[in-house]
Amino acid sequence: ATDWWAEDHIPGRPIFPGVLQIEGAAQMCTYDFMQRVPDIGGKFVGFGGLNETRFRGQVLPDCRLIFAGKLLRMRPSMFTYQAQAFVERKLVFETEILGVVF
């Protein structure tokens, strides 16, 4: 509850921001993509967008947020993952992450 994001996000009611949940999911998916395609010739992998994003529960301080992802599509210039996050086995966030390769 004393982490940098908790005190000011919503004063008096700390919850983990949705934008940081999106960033966490995007980082996880990009990491997995880079493991699948380890030699992409020095190209840049970036965030391309979101589809079907829903927040289904609160992420409160001192909980453990677990991310899961599944590769849906992979092309030379783009990839798509289904990503979810859970707290105590309850789905709190889901989205499709689009990544781009430049």
PDB file of N, CA and C in Angstrom:
ATOM      1  N   ALA A   1       0.811  -1.205   0.000  1.00  0.00           N
ATOM      2  CA  ALA A   1       0.000   0.000   0.000  1.00  0.00           C
ATOM      3  C   ALA A   1       0.851   1.265   0.000  1.00  0.00           C
ATOM      4  N   THR A   2       2.151   1.123   0.222  1.00  0.00           N
ATOM      5  CA  THR A   2       3.032   2.293   0.264  1.00  0.00           C
ATOM      6  C   THR A   2       3.837   2.457  -1.022  1.00  0.00           C
ATOM      7  N   ASP A   3       3.609   1.636  -2.030  1.00  0.00           N
ATOM      8  CA  ASP A   3       4.320   1.786  -3.300  1.00  0.00           C
ATOM      9  C   ASP A   3       3.974   3.124  -3.935  1.00  0.00           C
ATOM     10  N   TRP A   4       4.820   3.555  -4.857  1.00  0.00           N
ATOM     11  CA  TRP A   4       4.705   4.884  -5.462  1.00  0.00           C
ATOM     12  C   TRP A   4       3.369   5.126  -6.136  1.00  0.00           C
ATOM     13  N   TRP A   5       2.753   4.095  -6.690  1.00  0.00           N
ATOM     14  CA  TRP A   5       1.517   4.288  -7.442  1.00  0.00           C
ATOM     15  C   TRP A   5       0.284   4.305  -6.543  1.00  0.00           C
ATOM     16  N   ALA A   6       0.386   3.732  -5.360  1.00  0.00           N
ATOM     17  CA  ALA A   6      -0.799   3.485  -4.545  1.00  0.00           C
ATOM     18  C   ALA A   6      -1.411   4.750  -3.943  1.00  0.00           C
ATOM     19  N   GLU A   7      -0.577   5.646  -3.467  1.00  0.00           N
ATOM     20  CA  GLU A   7      -1.098   6.777  -2.692  1.00  0.00           C
ATOM     21  C   GLU A   7      -1.850   7.799  -3.547  1.00  0.00           C
ATOM     22  N   ASP A   8      -1.382   8.056  -4.759  1.00  0.00           N
ATOM     23  CA  ASP A   8      -1.940   9.160  -5.539  1.00  0.00           C
ATOM     24  C   ASP A   8      -2.887   8.759  -6.668  1.00  0.00           C
ATOM     25  N   HIS A   9      -2.926   7.493  -7.028  1.00  0.00           N
ATOM     26  CA  HIS A   9      -3.760   7.104  -8.183  1.00  0.00           C
ATOM     27  C   HIS A   9      -5.218   7.479  -7.935  1.00  0.00           C
ATOM     28  N   ILE A  10      -5.783   7.012  -6.857  1.00  0.00           N
ATOM     29  CA  ILE A  10      -7.113   7.427  -6.407  1.00  0.00           C
ATOM     30  C   ILE A  10      -6.969   7.698  -4.910  1.00  0.00           C
ATOM     31  N   PRO A  11      -6.848   8.959  -4.501  1.00  0.00           N
ATOM     32  CA  PRO A  11      -6.597   9.272  -3.089  1.00  0.00           C
ATOM     33  C   PRO A  11      -7.596   8.585  -2.157  1.00  0.00           C
ATOM     34  N   GLY A  12      -7.054   7.899  -1.158  1.00  0.00           N
ATOM     35  CA  GLY A  12      -7.882   7.206  -0.184  1.00  0.00           C
ATOM     36  C   GLY A  12      -8.336   5.829  -0.614  1.00  0.00           C
ATOM     37  N   ARG A  13      -8.065   5.461  -1.862  1.00  0.00           N
ATOM     38  CA  ARG A  13      -8.490   4.137  -2.350  1.00  0.00           C
ATOM     39  C   ARG A  13      -7.449   3.618  -3.347  1.00  0.00           C
ATOM     40  N   PRO A  14      -6.353   3.082  -2.867  1.00  0.00           N
ATOM     41  CA  PRO A  14      -5.306   2.635  -3.778  1.00  0.00           C
ATOM     42  C   PRO A  14      -5.713   1.384  -4.561  1.00  0.00           C
ATOM     43  N   ILE A  15      -5.645   1.489  -5.864  1.00  0.00           N
ATOM     44  CA  ILE A  15      -5.797   0.330  -6.743  1.00  0.00           C
ATOM     45  C   ILE A  15      -4.699   0.431  -7.804  1.00  0.00           C
ATOM     46  N   PHE A  16      -4.281  -0.705  -8.329  1.00  0.00           N
ATOM     47  CA  PHE A  16      -3.235  -0.733  -9.347  1.00  0.00           C
ATOM     48  C   PHE A  16      -3.829  -0.224 -10.656  1.00  0.00           C
ATOM     49  N   PRO A  17      -3.223   0.793 -11.271  1.00  0.00           N
ATOM     50  CA  PRO A  17      -3.804   1.415 -12.469  1.00  0.00           C
ATOM     51  C   PRO A  17      -3.923   0.451 -13.653  1.00  0.00           C
ATOM     52  N   GLY A  18      -5.011   0.578 -14.383  1.00  0.00           N
ATOM     53  CA  GLY A  18      -5.242  -0.239 -15.569  1.00  0.00           C
ATOM     54  C   GLY A  18      -4.165  -0.067 -16.614  1.00  0.00           C
ATOM     55  N   VAL A  19      -3.639   1.142 -16.767  1.00  0.00           N
ATOM     56  CA  VAL A  19      -2.605   1.377 -17.767  1.00  0.00           C
ATOM     57  C   VAL A  19      -1.347   0.571 -17.438  1.00  0.00           C
ATOM     58  N   LEU A  20      -1.060   0.370 -16.155  1.00  0.00           N
ATOM     59  CA  LEU A  20       0.091  -0.448 -15.782  1.00  0.00           C
ATOM     60  C   LEU A  20      -0.197  -1.937 -15.973  1.00  0.00           C
ATOM     61  N   GLN A  21      -1.456  -2.333 -15.862  1.00  0.00           N
ATOM     62  CA  GLN A  21      -1.823  -3.715 -16.177  1.00  0.00           C
ATOM     63  C   GLN A  21      -1.621  -3.972 -17.669  1.00  0.00           C
ATOM     64  N   ILE A  22      -2.025  -3.005 -18.493  1.00  0.00           N
ATOM     65  CA  ILE A  22      -1.814  -3.120 -19.937  1.00  0.00           C
ATOM     66  C   ILE A  22      -0.322  -3.210 -20.242  1.00  0.00           C
ATOM     67  N   GLU A  23       0.469  -2.341 -19.631  1.00  0.00           N
ATOM     68  CA  GLU A  23       1.913  -2.352 -19.863  1.00  0.00           C
ATOM     69  C   GLU A  23       2.535  -3.680 -19.442  1.00  0.00           C
ATOM     70  N   GLY A  24       2.124  -4.200 -18.298  1.00  0.00           N
ATOM     71  CA  GLY A  24       2.641  -5.496 -17.849  1.00  0.00           C
ATOM     72  C   GLY A  24       2.326  -6.609 -18.833  1.00  0.00           C
ATOM     73  N   ALA A  25       1.090  -6.617 -19.338  1.00  0.00           N
ATOM     74  CA  ALA A  25       0.698  -7.634 -20.315  1.00  0.00           C
ATOM     75  C   ALA A  25       1.480  -7.468 -21.614  1.00  0.00           C
ATOM     76  N   ALA A  26       1.661  -6.232 -22.060  1.00  0.00           N
ATOM     77  CA  ALA A  26       2.405  -5.983 -23.298  1.00  0.00           C
ATOM     78  C   ALA A  26       3.861  -6.410 -23.157  1.00  0.00           C
ATOM     79  N   GLN A  27       4.472  -6.130 -22.009  1.00  0.00           N
ATOM     80  CA  GLN A  27       5.852  -6.552 -21.780  1.00  0.00           C
ATOM     81  C   GLN A  27       5.979  -8.070 -21.796  1.00  0.00           C
ATOM     82  N   MET A  28       5.024  -8.760 -21.150  1.00  0.00           N
ATOM     83  CA  MET A  28       5.044 -10.221 -21.121  1.00  0.00           C
ATOM     84  C   MET A  28       4.921 -10.793 -22.526  1.00  0.00           C
ATOM     85  N   CYS A  29       4.005 -10.261 -23.316  1.00  0.00           N
ATOM     86  CA  CYS A  29       3.791 -10.765 -24.670  1.00  0.00           C
ATOM     87  C   CYS A  29       5.002 -10.488 -25.559  1.00  0.00           C
ATOM     88  N   THR A  30       5.589  -9.314 -25.422  1.00  0.00           N
ATOM     89  CA  THR A  30       6.780  -8.980 -26.207  1.00  0.00           C
ATOM     90  C   THR A  30       7.940  -9.890 -25.832  1.00  0.00           C
ATOM     91  N   TYR A  31       8.097 -10.160 -24.562  1.00  0.00           N
ATOM     92  CA  TYR A  31       9.155 -11.074 -24.124  1.00  0.00           C
ATOM     93  C   TYR A  31       8.962 -12.448 -24.764  1.00  0.00           C
ATOM     94  N   ASP A  32       7.731 -12.970 -24.720  1.00  0.00           N
ATOM     95  CA  ASP A  32       7.462 -14.275 -25.316  1.00  0.00           C
ATOM     96  C   ASP A  32       7.751 -14.263 -26.818  1.00  0.00           C
ATOM     97  N   PHE A  33       7.315 -13.199 -27.498  1.00  0.00           N
ATOM     98  CA  PHE A  33       7.582 -13.089 -28.934  1.00  0.00           C
ATOM     99  C   PHE A  33       9.087 -13.112 -29.209  1.00  0.00           C
ATOM    100  N   MET A  34       9.856 -12.364 -28.421  1.00  0.00           N
ATOM    101  CA  MET A  34      11.306 -12.304 -28.618  1.00  0.00           C
ATOM    102  C   MET A  34      11.961 -13.664 -28.364  1.00  0.00           C
ATOM    103  N   GLN A  35      11.387 -14.475 -27.480  1.00  0.00           N
ATOM    104  CA  GLN A  35      11.903 -15.825 -27.256  1.00  0.00           C
ATOM    105  C   GLN A  35      11.592 -16.737 -28.439  1.00  0.00           C
ATOM    106  N   ARG A  36      10.453 -16.524 -29.074  1.00  0.00           N
ATOM    107  CA  ARG A  36      10.059 -17.326 -30.231  1.00  0.00           C
ATOM    108  C   ARG A  36      10.837 -16.939 -31.487  1.00  0.00           C
ATOM    109  N   VAL A  37      11.197 -15.668 -31.584  1.00  0.00           N
ATOM    110  CA  VAL A  37      11.912 -15.146 -32.758  1.00  0.00           C
ATOM    111  C   VAL A  37      13.172 -14.438 -32.241  1.00  0.00           C
ATOM    112  N   PRO A  38      14.171 -15.213 -31.800  1.00  0.00           N
ATOM    113  CA  PRO A  38      15.331 -14.588 -31.162  1.00  0.00           C
ATOM    114  C   PRO A  38      16.213 -13.769 -32.100  1.00  0.00           C
ATOM    115  N   ASP A  39      16.190 -14.059 -33.387  1.00  0.00           N
ATOM    116  CA  ASP A  39      17.050 -13.324 -34.319  1.00  0.00           C
ATOM    117  C   ASP A  39      16.173 -12.588 -35.326  1.00  0.00           C
ATOM    118  N   ILE A  40      15.756 -11.378 -34.964  1.00  0.00           N
ATOM    119  CA  ILE A  40      14.912 -10.601 -35.876  1.00  0.00           C
ATOM    120  C   ILE A  40      15.711  -9.512 -36.582  1.00  0.00           C
ATOM    121  N   GLY A  41      17.012  -9.678 -36.586  1.00  0.00           N
ATOM    122  CA  GLY A  41      17.858  -8.794 -37.370  1.00  0.00           C
ATOM    123  C   GLY A  41      17.949  -7.368 -36.875  1.00  0.00           C
ATOM    124  N   GLY A  42      17.921  -7.155 -35.570  1.00  0.00           N
ATOM    125  CA  GLY A  42      18.064  -5.814 -35.027  1.00  0.00           C
ATOM    126  C   GLY A  42      16.835  -4.935 -35.189  1.00  0.00           C
ATOM    127  N   LYS A  43      15.719  -5.504 -35.569  1.00  0.00           N
ATOM    128  CA  LYS A  43      14.492  -4.720 -35.715  1.00  0.00           C
ATOM    129  C   LYS A  43      13.922  -4.348 -34.351  1.00  0.00           C
ATOM    130  N   PHE A  44      13.141  -3.278 -34.344  1.00  0.00           N
ATOM    131  CA  PHE A  44      12.499  -2.789 -33.130  1.00  0.00           C
ATOM    132  C   PHE A  44      11.129  -3.430 -32.973  1.00  0.00           C
ATOM    133  N   VAL A  45      10.828  -3.912 -31.791  1.00  0.00           N
ATOM    134  CA  VAL A  45       9.509  -4.477 -31.481  1.00  0.00           C
ATOM    135  C   VAL A  45       8.785  -3.470 -30.605  1.00  0.00           C
ATOM    136  N   GLY A  46       7.604  -3.042 -31.041  1.00  0.00           N
ATOM    137  CA  GLY A  46       6.864  -2.025 -30.306  1.00  0.00           C
ATOM    138  C   GLY A  46       5.413  -2.389 -30.082  1.00  0.00           C
ATOM    139  N   PHE A  47       4.758  -1.558 -29.292  1.00  0.00           N
ATOM    140  CA  PHE A  47       3.342  -1.722 -28.962  1.00  0.00           C
ATOM    141  C   PHE A  47       2.499  -1.202 -30.122  1.00  0.00           C
ATOM    142  N   GLY A  48       1.565  -2.023 -30.608  1.00  0.00           N
ATOM    143  CA  GLY A  48       0.740  -1.636 -31.743  1.00  0.00           C
ATOM    144  C   GLY A  48      -0.687  -1.279 -31.402  1.00  0.00           C
ATOM    145  N   GLY A  49      -1.199  -1.801 -30.286  1.00  0.00           N
ATOM    146  CA  GLY A  49      -2.567  -1.477 -29.923  1.00  0.00           C
ATOM    147  C   GLY A  49      -3.215  -2.559 -29.083  1.00  0.00           C
ATOM    148  N   LEU A  50      -4.517  -2.358 -28.837  1.00  0.00           N
ATOM    149  CA  LEU A  50      -5.325  -3.253 -28.013  1.00  0.00           C
ATOM    150  C   LEU A  50      -6.640  -3.550 -28.714  1.00  0.00           C
ATOM    151  N   ASN A  51      -7.172  -4.711 -28.447  1.00  0.00           N
ATOM    152  CA  ASN A  51      -8.535  -5.075 -28.856  1.00  0.00           C
ATOM    153  C   ASN A  51      -9.233  -5.716 -27.664  1.00  0.00           C
ATOM    154  N   GLU A  52     -10.525  -5.507 -27.575  1.00  0.00           N
ATOM    155  CA  GLU A  52     -11.360  -6.233 -26.615  1.00  0.00           C
ATOM    156  C   GLU A  52     -10.833  -6.144 -25.178  1.00  0.00           C
ATOM    157  N   THR A  53     -10.488  -4.961 -24.729  1.00  0.00           N
ATOM    158  CA  THR A  53      -9.927  -4.776 -23.394  1.00  0.00           C
ATOM    159  C   THR A  53     -11.037  -4.619 -22.362  1.00  0.00           C
ATOM    160  N   ARG A  54     -10.923  -5.391 -21.284  1.00  0.00           N
ATOM    161  CA  ARG A  54     -11.906  -5.319 -20.199  1.00  0.00           C
ATOM    162  C   ARG A  54     -11.193  -5.440 -18.860  1.00  0.00           C
ATOM    163  N   PHE A  55     -11.626  -4.623 -17.897  1.00  0.00           N
ATOM    164  CA  PHE A  55     -11.171  -4.726 -16.519  1.00  0.00           C
ATOM    165  C   PHE A  55     -12.331  -5.315 -15.728  1.00  0.00           C
ATOM    166  N   ARG A  56     -12.096  -6.446 -15.080  1.00  0.00           N
ATOM    167  CA  ARG A  56     -13.169  -7.212 -14.456  1.00  0.00           C
ATOM    168  C   ARG A  56     -13.080  -7.294 -12.939  1.00  0.00           C
ATOM    169  N   GLY A  57     -12.084  -6.626 -12.370  1.00  0.00           N
ATOM    170  CA  GLY A  57     -11.928  -6.637 -10.923  1.00  0.00           C
ATOM    171  C   GLY A  57     -10.858  -5.656 -10.503  1.00  0.00           C
ATOM    172  N   GLN A  58     -10.790  -5.382  -9.225  1.00  0.00           N
ATOM    173  CA  GLN A  58      -9.811  -4.456  -8.695  1.00  0.00           C
ATOM    174  C   GLN A  58      -8.512  -5.193  -8.366  1.00  0.00           C
ATOM    175  N   VAL A  59      -7.410  -4.471  -8.535  1.00  0.00           N
ATOM    176  CA  VAL A  59      -6.102  -4.977  -8.140  1.00  0.00           C
ATOM    177  C   VAL A  59      -5.639  -4.090  -6.990  1.00  0.00           C
ATOM    178  N   LEU A  60      -5.733  -4.621  -5.783  1.00  0.00           N
ATOM    179  CA  LEU A  60      -5.455  -3.863  -4.568  1.00  0.00           C
ATOM    180  C   LEU A  60      -4.041  -4.126  -4.078  1.00  0.00           C
ATOM    181  N   PRO A  61      -3.475  -3.192  -3.305  1.00  0.00           N
ATOM    182  CA  PRO A  61      -2.121  -3.378  -2.769  1.00  0.00           C
ATOM    183  C   PRO A  61      -1.981  -4.688  -1.990  1.00  0.00           C
ATOM    184  N   ASP A  62      -0.785  -5.196  -2.088  1.00  0.00           N
ATOM    185  CA  ASP A  62      -0.359  -6.414  -1.406  1.00  0.00           C
ATOM    186  C   ASP A  62      -0.936  -7.688  -1.999  1.00  0.00           C
ATOM    187  N   CYS A  63      -1.574  -7.601  -3.163  1.00  0.00           N
ATOM    188  CA  CYS A  63      -2.022  -8.817  -3.826  1.00  0.00           C
ATOM    189  C   CYS A  63      -0.942  -9.258  -4.811  1.00  0.00           C
ATOM    190  N   ARG A  64      -1.076 -10.452  -5.339  1.00  0.00           N
ATOM    191  CA  ARG A  64      -0.176 -10.950  -6.368  1.00  0.00           C
ATOM    192  C   ARG A  64      -0.961 -10.980  -7.677  1.00  0.00           C
ATOM    193  N   LEU A  65      -0.471 -10.236  -8.667  1.00  0.00           N
ATOM    194  CA  LEU A  65      -1.105 -10.161  -9.983  1.00  0.00           C
ATOM    195  C   LEU A  65      -0.357 -11.112 -10.905  1.00  0.00           C
ATOM    196  N   ILE A  66      -1.066 -12.081 -11.450  1.00  0.00           N
ATOM    197  CA  ILE A  66      -0.470 -13.105 -12.315  1.00  0.00           C
ATOM    198  C   ILE A  66      -0.950 -12.870 -13.747  1.00  0.00           C
ATOM    199  N   PHE A  67       0.000 -12.727 -14.673  1.00  0.00           N
ATOM    200  CA  PHE A  67      -0.314 -12.551 -16.091  1.00  0.00           C
ATOM    201  C   PHE A  67      -0.213 -13.879 -16.824  1.00  0.00           C
ATOM    202  N   ALA A  68      -1.082 -14.047 -17.812  1.00  0.00           N
ATOM    203  CA  ALA A  68      -1.034 -15.216 -18.703  1.00  0.00           C
ATOM    204  C   ALA A  68      -1.261 -14.721 -20.122  1.00  0.00           C
ATOM    205  N   GLY A  69      -0.619 -15.371 -21.074  1.00  0.00           N
ATOM    206  CA  GLY A  69      -0.780 -14.961 -22.466  1.00  0.00           C
ATOM    207  C   GLY A  69      -0.747 -16.142 -23.408  1.00  0.00           C
ATOM    208  N   LYS A  70      -1.390 -15.960 -24.551  1.00  0.00           N
ATOM    209  CA  LYS A  70      -1.432 -16.994 -25.575  1.00  0.00           C
ATOM    210  C   LYS A  70      -1.246 -16.323 -26.930  1.00  0.00           C
ATOM    211  N   LEU A  71      -0.282 -16.810 -27.692  1.00  0.00           N
ATOM    212  CA  LEU A  71      -0.054 -16.297 -29.043  1.00  0.00           C
ATOM    213  C   LEU A  71      -1.238 -16.672 -29.931  1.00  0.00           C
ATOM    214  N   LEU A  72      -1.840 -15.681 -30.584  1.00  0.00           N
ATOM    215  CA  LEU A  72      -2.958 -15.923 -31.495  1.00  0.00           C
ATOM    216  C   LEU A  72      -2.509 -15.892 -32.952  1.00  0.00           C
ATOM    217  N   ARG A  73      -1.698 -14.889 -33.314  1.00  0.00           N
ATOM    218  CA  ARG A  73      -1.225 -14.735 -34.703  1.00  0.00           C
ATOM    219  C   ARG A  73       0.187 -14.171 -34.700  1.00  0.00           C
ATOM    220  N   MET A  74       0.987 -14.623 -35.648  1.00  0.00           N
ATOM    221  CA  MET A  74       2.327 -14.094 -35.778  1.00  0.00           C
ATOM    222  C   MET A  74       2.659 -13.985 -37.253  1.00  0.00           C
ATOM    223  N   ARG A  75       3.016 -12.763 -37.667  1.00  0.00           N
ATOM    224  CA  ARG A  75       3.472 -12.488 -39.025  1.00  0.00           C
ATOM    225  C   ARG A  75       4.827 -11.801 -38.920  1.00  0.00           C
ATOM    226  N   PRO A  76       5.523 -11.634 -40.023  1.00  0.00           N
ATOM    227  CA  PRO A  76       6.838 -10.984 -39.937  1.00  0.00           C
ATOM    228  C   PRO A  76       6.792  -9.561 -39.371  1.00  0.00           C
ATOM    229  N   SER A  77       5.681  -8.840 -39.570  1.00  0.00           N
ATOM    230  CA  SER A  77       5.625  -7.450 -39.124  1.00  0.00           C
ATOM    231  C   SER A  77       4.657  -7.199 -37.975  1.00  0.00           C
ATOM    232  N   MET A  78       3.969  -8.236 -37.482  1.00  0.00           N
ATOM    233  CA  MET A  78       2.961  -8.020 -36.449  1.00  0.00           C
ATOM    234  C   MET A  78       2.665  -9.321 -35.712  1.00  0.00           C
ATOM    235  N   PHE A  79       2.295  -9.191 -34.434  1.00  0.00           N
ATOM    236  CA  PHE A  79       1.857 -10.362 -33.666  1.00  0.00           C
ATOM    237  C   PHE A  79       0.702  -9.960 -32.756  1.00  0.00           C
ATOM    238  N   THR A  80      -0.133 -10.938 -32.419  1.00  0.00           N
ATOM    239  CA  THR A  80      -1.293 -10.709 -31.563  1.00  0.00           C
ATOM    240  C   THR A  80      -1.331 -11.790 -30.485  1.00  0.00           C
ATOM    241  N   TYR A  81      -1.531 -11.362 -29.253  1.00  0.00           N
ATOM    242  CA  TYR A  81      -1.653 -12.259 -28.106  1.00  0.00           C
ATOM    243  C   TYR A  81      -2.969 -12.007 -27.390  1.00  0.00           C
ATOM    244  N   GLN A  82      -3.546 -13.058 -26.853  1.00  0.00           N
ATOM    245  CA  GLN A  82      -4.619 -12.932 -25.868  1.00  0.00           C
ATOM    246  C   GLN A  82      -3.919 -12.867 -24.524  1.00  0.00           C
ATOM    247  N   ALA A  83      -4.192 -11.846 -23.728  1.00  0.00           N
ATOM    248  CA  ALA A  83      -3.556 -11.689 -22.425  1.00  0.00           C
ATOM    249  C   ALA A  83      -4.614 -11.554 -21.346  1.00  0.00           C
ATOM    250  N   GLN A  84      -4.328 -12.131 -20.201  1.00  0.00           N
ATOM    251  CA  GLN A  84      -5.216 -12.058 -19.050  1.00  0.00           C
ATOM    252  C   GLN A  84      -4.382 -11.828 -17.798  1.00  0.00           C
ATOM    253  N   ALA A  85      -5.034 -11.320 -16.755  1.00  0.00           N
ATOM    254  CA  ALA A  85      -4.389 -11.178 -15.454  1.00  0.00           C
ATOM    255  C   ALA A  85      -5.369 -11.657 -14.381  1.00  0.00           C
ATOM    256  N   PHE A  86      -4.805 -12.273 -13.358  1.00  0.00           N
ATOM    257  CA  PHE A  86      -5.598 -12.888 -12.296  1.00  0.00           C
ATOM    258  C   PHE A  86      -5.097 -12.449 -10.932  1.00  0.00           C
ATOM    259  N   VAL A  87      -6.028 -12.314  -9.990  1.00  0.00           N
ATOM    260  CA  VAL A  87      -5.725 -12.126  -8.577  1.00  0.00           C
ATOM    261  C   VAL A  87      -6.488 -13.211  -7.837  1.00  0.00           C
ATOM    262  N   GLU A  88      -5.762 -14.029  -7.094  1.00  0.00           N
ATOM    263  CA  GLU A  88      -6.368 -15.152  -6.356  1.00  0.00           C
ATOM    264  C   GLU A  88      -7.274 -15.987  -7.264  1.00  0.00           C
ATOM    265  N   ARG A  89      -6.773 -16.277  -8.449  1.00  0.00           N
ATOM    266  CA  ARG A  89      -7.459 -17.104  -9.458  1.00  0.00           C
ATOM    267  C   ARG A  89      -8.711 -16.473 -10.050  1.00  0.00           C
ATOM    268  N   LYS A  90      -8.934 -15.201  -9.758  1.00  0.00           N
ATOM    269  CA  LYS A  90     -10.078 -14.486 -10.319  1.00  0.00           C
ATOM    270  C   LYS A  90      -9.589 -13.600 -11.461  1.00  0.00           C
ATOM    271  N   LEU A  91     -10.245 -13.701 -12.619  1.00  0.00           N
ATOM    272  CA  LEU A  91      -9.896 -12.878 -13.771  1.00  0.00           C
ATOM    273  C   LEU A  91     -10.208 -11.415 -13.461  1.00  0.00           C
ATOM    274  N   VAL A  92      -9.176 -10.552 -13.564  1.00  0.00           N
ATOM    275  CA  VAL A  92      -9.381  -9.133 -13.281  1.00  0.00           C
ATOM    276  C   VAL A  92      -9.157  -8.250 -14.513  1.00  0.00           C
ATOM    277  N   PHE A  93      -8.545  -8.821 -15.564  1.00  0.00           N
ATOM    278  CA  PHE A  93      -8.196  -8.026 -16.742  1.00  0.00           C
ATOM    279  C   PHE A  93      -7.989  -8.962 -17.922  1.00  0.00           C
ATOM    280  N   GLU A  94      -8.463  -8.528 -19.096  1.00  0.00           N
ATOM    281  CA  GLU A  94      -8.199  -9.295 -20.320  1.00  0.00           C
ATOM    282  C   GLU A  94      -8.150  -8.344 -21.509  1.00  0.00           C
ATOM    283  N   THR A  95      -7.352  -8.721 -22.500  1.00  0.00           N
ATOM    284  CA  THR A  95      -7.195  -7.892 -23.688  1.00  0.00           C
ATOM    285  C   THR A  95      -6.522  -8.693 -24.788  1.00  0.00           C
ATOM    286  N   GLU A  96      -6.521  -8.153 -25.975  1.00  0.00           N
ATOM    287  CA  GLU A  96      -5.647  -8.617 -27.051  1.00  0.00           C
ATOM    288  C   GLU A  96      -4.569  -7.566 -27.217  1.00  0.00           C
ATOM    289  N   ILE A  97      -3.320  -8.006 -27.194  1.00  0.00           N
ATOM    290  CA  ILE A  97      -2.166  -7.131 -27.371  1.00  0.00           C
ATOM    291  C   ILE A  97      -1.671  -7.283 -28.801  1.00  0.00           C
ATOM    292  N   LEU A  98      -1.508  -6.149 -29.494  1.00  0.00           N
ATOM    293  CA  LEU A  98      -0.927  -6.159 -30.832  1.00  0.00           C
ATOM    294  C   LEU A  98       0.477  -5.595 -30.752  1.00  0.00           C
ATOM    295  N   GLY A  99       1.422  -6.335 -31.277  1.00  0.00           N
ATOM    296  CA  GLY A  99       2.799  -5.886 -31.328  1.00  0.00           C
ATOM    297  C   GLY A  99       3.203  -5.683 -32.778  1.00  0.00           C
ATOM    298  N   VAL A 100       4.113  -4.746 -33.018  1.00  0.00           N
ATOM    299  CA  VAL A 100       4.588  -4.477 -34.362  1.00  0.00           C
ATOM    300  C   VAL A 100       6.108  -4.591 -34.401  1.00  0.00           C
ATOM    301  N   VAL A 101       6.605  -5.010 -35.548  1.00  0.00           N
ATOM    302  CA  VAL A 101       8.044  -5.160 -35.756  1.00  0.00           C
ATOM    303  C   VAL A 101       8.445  -4.165 -36.836  1.00  0.00           C
ATOM    304  N   PHE A 102       9.358  -3.257 -36.480  1.00  0.00           N
ATOM    305  CA  PHE A 102       9.816  -2.229 -37.421  1.00  0.00           C
ATOM    306  C   PHE A 102      11.208  -2.557 -37.916  1.00  0.00           C
TER     307      PHE A 102
END
